[in-house]
Amino acid sequence: MNTGILEPAATLRFQTAQPGAMRQLTIENIEYLLEILGPLVLLRNLKLDLTGVERIDAAGISMLLTLYSRAREAGNQFSLVNVPTRVLEILSVVGLDRLLLSHNPVQSSQYGSGLHRSAA
């Protein structure tokens, strides 16, 4: 199974041999993903493309935080791109959208406007 392609801009894209095989960041696949992605964040800045990911659970969120922490400790950056709406909603609820997302104007405008409301 081909799980990703590291492009020159250091964007990892989920691409699998079987369509739909990598549609979740859940307890079932995080050990495997950490094995692949963990060493990469130590070597370079990394943007993880979540195109097609439909589901994330607490273990998936923990994996993203682990990758973020490892990258920062190594002096690198780790962020997410092309985050589907459902996953973005979950990351927003736990406050990780500001930490993990590359600043995409569409994502910022979609969620940013509701966060700052006047008291009047």
Protein backbone atom coordinates (compact mmCIF):
# COMPACT_ATOMS: atom_id res chain seq x y z
CA MET A 1 0.00 0.00 0.00
CA ASN A 2 1.29 3.42 -0.96
CA THR A 3 0.39 5.67 2.00
CA GLY A 4 1.78 8.96 0.85
CA ILE A 5 4.02 10.92 -1.40
CA LEU A 6 6.48 13.44 -0.01
CA GLU A 7 6.50 16.33 -2.41
CA PRO A 8 9.26 18.95 -2.66
CA ALA A 9 7.16 21.41 -0.63
CA ALA A 10 7.07 18.82 2.18
CA THR A 11 3.36 18.18 1.85
CA LEU A 12 2.39 14.62 2.62
CA ARG A 13 -0.72 13.49 0.78
CA PHE A 14 -2.74 10.45 1.72
CA GLN A 15 -2.83 8.25 -1.35
CA THR A 16 -3.62 4.60 -1.02
CA ALA A 17 -3.67 1.73 -3.43
CA GLN A 18 -7.27 0.97 -2.45
CA PRO A 19 -9.66 3.95 -2.67
CA GLY A 20 -11.00 4.86 0.74
CA ALA A 21 -8.43 2.84 2.66
CA MET A 22 -7.07 5.86 4.57
CA ARG A 23 -10.19 7.86 5.36
CA GLN A 24 -9.78 7.97 9.13
CA LEU A 25 -7.33 9.08 11.76
CA THR A 26 -8.43 6.65 14.43
CA ILE A 27 -7.04 4.18 16.93
CA GLU A 28 -7.01 1.53 14.19
CA ASN A 29 -4.29 3.24 12.15
CA ILE A 30 -2.42 5.78 14.29
CA GLU A 31 0.42 3.45 15.27
CA TYR A 32 1.13 2.80 11.61
CA LEU A 33 0.88 6.51 10.73
CA LEU A 34 3.17 7.54 13.60
CA GLU A 35 5.71 5.00 12.40
CA ILE A 36 5.75 6.67 8.98
CA LEU A 37 5.27 10.33 9.91
CA GLY A 38 7.20 10.48 13.19
CA PRO A 39 10.67 10.39 11.58
CA LEU A 40 9.64 12.87 8.86
CA VAL A 41 8.70 15.65 11.31
CA LEU A 42 12.14 15.33 12.89
CA LEU A 43 13.83 16.00 9.55
CA ARG A 44 11.80 18.78 7.96
CA ASN A 45 8.75 21.02 8.06
CA LEU A 46 5.68 19.01 7.21
CA LYS A 47 2.18 19.87 6.01
CA LEU A 48 -0.18 16.95 6.30
CA ASP A 49 -2.90 16.92 3.64
CA LEU A 50 -6.12 15.53 5.10
CA THR A 51 -8.05 15.45 1.82
CA GLY A 52 -10.50 12.56 2.02
CA VAL A 53 -10.21 12.00 5.76
CA GLU A 54 -13.76 11.62 7.02
CA ARG A 55 -13.26 10.68 10.65
CA ILE A 56 -10.96 11.47 13.55
CA ASP A 57 -11.15 10.21 17.12
CA ALA A 58 -9.29 11.03 20.34
CA ALA A 59 -6.40 8.78 19.30
CA GLY A 60 -6.12 10.62 15.97
CA ILE A 61 -6.11 13.98 17.75
CA SER A 62 -3.42 12.67 20.11
CA MET A 63 -1.35 11.55 17.12
CA LEU A 64 -1.57 15.03 15.56
CA LEU A 65 -0.44 16.60 18.84
CA THR A 66 2.43 14.12 19.10
CA LEU A 67 3.59 14.98 15.58
CA TYR A 68 3.27 18.71 16.32
CA SER A 69 5.31 18.37 19.53
CA ARG A 70 8.03 16.27 17.90
CA ALA A 71 8.34 18.74 15.03
CA ARG A 72 8.59 21.72 17.40
CA GLU A 73 11.22 19.97 19.54
CA ALA A 74 13.27 19.38 16.38
CA GLY A 75 12.89 23.03 15.32
CA ASN A 76 10.46 22.18 12.53
CA GLN A 77 6.86 23.07 11.77
CA PHE A 78 3.90 20.73 11.47
CA SER A 79 0.52 21.80 10.13
CA LEU A 80 -2.59 20.49 8.42
CA VAL A 81 -3.97 21.44 5.01
CA ASN A 82 -7.17 20.61 3.13
CA VAL A 83 -8.97 19.68 6.32
CA PRO A 84 -12.51 18.45 5.60
CA THR A 85 -15.34 20.33 7.30
CA ARG A 86 -16.24 17.55 9.75
CA VAL A 87 -12.65 17.10 10.91
CA LEU A 88 -12.21 20.88 11.11
CA GLU A 89 -15.29 21.14 13.34
CA ILE A 90 -13.83 18.58 15.74
CA LEU A 91 -10.43 20.29 15.82
CA SER A 92 -12.19 23.61 16.46
CA VAL A 93 -14.18 22.21 19.38
CA VAL A 94 -10.99 21.08 21.13
CA GLY A 95 -9.15 24.30 20.21
CA LEU A 96 -6.56 22.73 17.94
CA ASP A 97 -7.59 24.49 14.74
CA ARG A 98 -5.49 27.55 15.63
CA LEU A 99 -2.49 25.38 16.50
CA LEU A 100 -2.49 22.88 13.65
CA LEU A 101 -4.02 24.52 10.60
CA SER A 102 -2.10 26.25 7.87
CA HIS A 103 -3.74 29.63 7.54
CA ASN A 104 -6.23 29.09 4.77
CA PRO A 105 -8.51 32.13 4.27
CA VAL A 106 -11.52 29.93 3.52
CA GLN A 107 -11.13 27.99 6.74
CA SER A 108 -10.43 31.11 8.78
CA SER A 109 -13.47 32.98 7.45
CA GLN A 110 -15.72 29.96 7.88
CA TYR A 111 -15.01 29.60 11.60
CA GLY A 112 -13.39 32.84 12.61
CA SER A 113 -16.44 35.06 12.28
CA GLY A 114 -18.41 33.21 14.94
CA LEU A 115 -15.65 33.30 17.52
CA HIS A 116 -15.47 37.05 18.05
CA ARG A 117 -18.82 38.60 18.86
CA SER A 118 -19.46 41.93 20.45
CA ALA A 119 -21.11 42.02 23.87
CA ALA A 120 -23.51 44.75 22.71
